[in-house]
Amino acid sequence: MSRKVVDFLQFVEVTNDIGVNIVIDNHGLSTLNSDKSVNLLTQTMLTIGASFASMELKQTMERMNSGEKST
């Protein structure tokens, strides 16, 4: 969905605010509980996942840039 943690979290917050539940079926996750309250466990897991995606992007960019410098 996004490689920037802030963008991703803003997207999830907007969908939560308007009552849209994001369901990740293969992991059994949903962003809202049945009473439409925020599912804090899912939010935490999504935040961690987005952080890892961001870290991976930064590492990939660093590797690409270091390869350009050595040639």
Protein backbone atom coordinates (compact mmCIF):
# COMPACT_ATOMS: atom_id res chain seq x y z
CA MET A 1 0.00 0.00 0.00
CA SER A 2 2.74 2.42 0.93
CA ARG A 3 6.45 2.44 1.72
CA LYS A 4 6.24 5.56 3.89
CA VAL A 5 5.06 4.86 7.41
CA VAL A 6 3.42 8.26 7.85
CA ASP A 7 1.42 7.98 4.61
CA PHE A 8 0.27 4.48 5.46
CA LEU A 9 -0.78 5.40 9.00
CA GLN A 10 -2.65 8.46 7.72
CA PHE A 11 -4.49 6.25 5.22
CA VAL A 12 -5.49 3.78 7.94
CA GLU A 13 -6.57 6.63 10.23
CA VAL A 14 -8.77 8.16 7.52
CA THR A 15 -10.42 4.82 6.76
CA ASN A 16 -10.97 4.21 10.49
CA ASP A 17 -12.51 7.67 10.90
CA ILE A 18 -15.06 7.06 8.16
CA GLY A 19 -15.82 3.54 9.42
CA VAL A 20 -14.14 1.57 6.63
CA ASN A 21 -12.72 -1.68 7.92
CA ILE A 22 -9.59 -2.91 6.14
CA VAL A 23 -9.48 -6.71 6.30
CA ILE A 24 -6.32 -8.71 5.66
CA ASP A 25 -7.96 -12.10 5.39
CA ASN A 26 -4.90 -14.33 5.05
CA HIS A 27 -3.55 -13.01 8.36
CA GLY A 28 -6.90 -12.71 10.14
CA LEU A 29 -6.51 -8.97 10.67
CA SER A 30 -9.07 -6.17 10.52
CA THR A 31 -8.53 -2.52 11.38
CA LEU A 32 -11.88 -2.14 13.15
CA ASN A 33 -13.56 -4.28 15.76
CA SER A 34 -17.21 -5.33 15.38
CA ASP A 35 -18.28 -2.24 17.38
CA LYS A 36 -16.31 -0.01 14.91
CA SER A 37 -13.62 0.80 17.50
CA VAL A 38 -10.01 0.71 16.35
CA ASN A 39 -8.38 -2.71 16.63
CA LEU A 40 -5.21 -1.76 18.48
CA LEU A 41 -3.45 -5.08 17.89
CA THR A 42 -3.93 -4.82 14.13
CA GLN A 43 -2.90 -1.16 14.16
CA THR A 44 0.31 -2.08 15.99
CA MET A 45 1.07 -4.92 13.60
CA LEU A 46 0.46 -2.69 10.56
CA THR A 47 2.71 0.00 12.02
CA ILE A 48 5.51 -2.52 12.54
CA GLY A 49 5.05 -3.88 9.01
CA ALA A 50 5.11 -0.40 7.51
CA SER A 51 8.27 0.39 9.48
CA PHE A 52 9.99 -2.70 8.08
CA ALA A 53 8.91 -1.76 4.54
CA SER A 54 10.35 1.71 5.03
CA MET A 55 13.60 0.29 6.37
CA GLU A 56 13.84 -2.09 3.43
CA LEU A 57 13.34 0.77 0.96
CA LYS A 58 16.07 2.83 2.63
CA GLN A 59 18.50 -0.09 2.60
CA THR A 60 17.78 -0.78 -1.06
CA MET A 61 18.38 2.87 -1.94
CA GLU A 62 21.64 2.90 0.03
CA ARG A 63 22.85 -0.22 -1.79
CA MET A 64 21.93 1.22 -5.15
CA ASN A 65 23.67 4.51 -4.36
CA SER A 66 26.80 2.79 -3.05
CA GLY A 67 27.02 0.82 -6.29
CA GLU A 68 26.86 4.01 -8.33
CA LYS A 69 29.67 5.60 -6.32
CA SER A 70 32.05 2.69 -6.81
CA THR A 71 31.79 2.68 -10.61
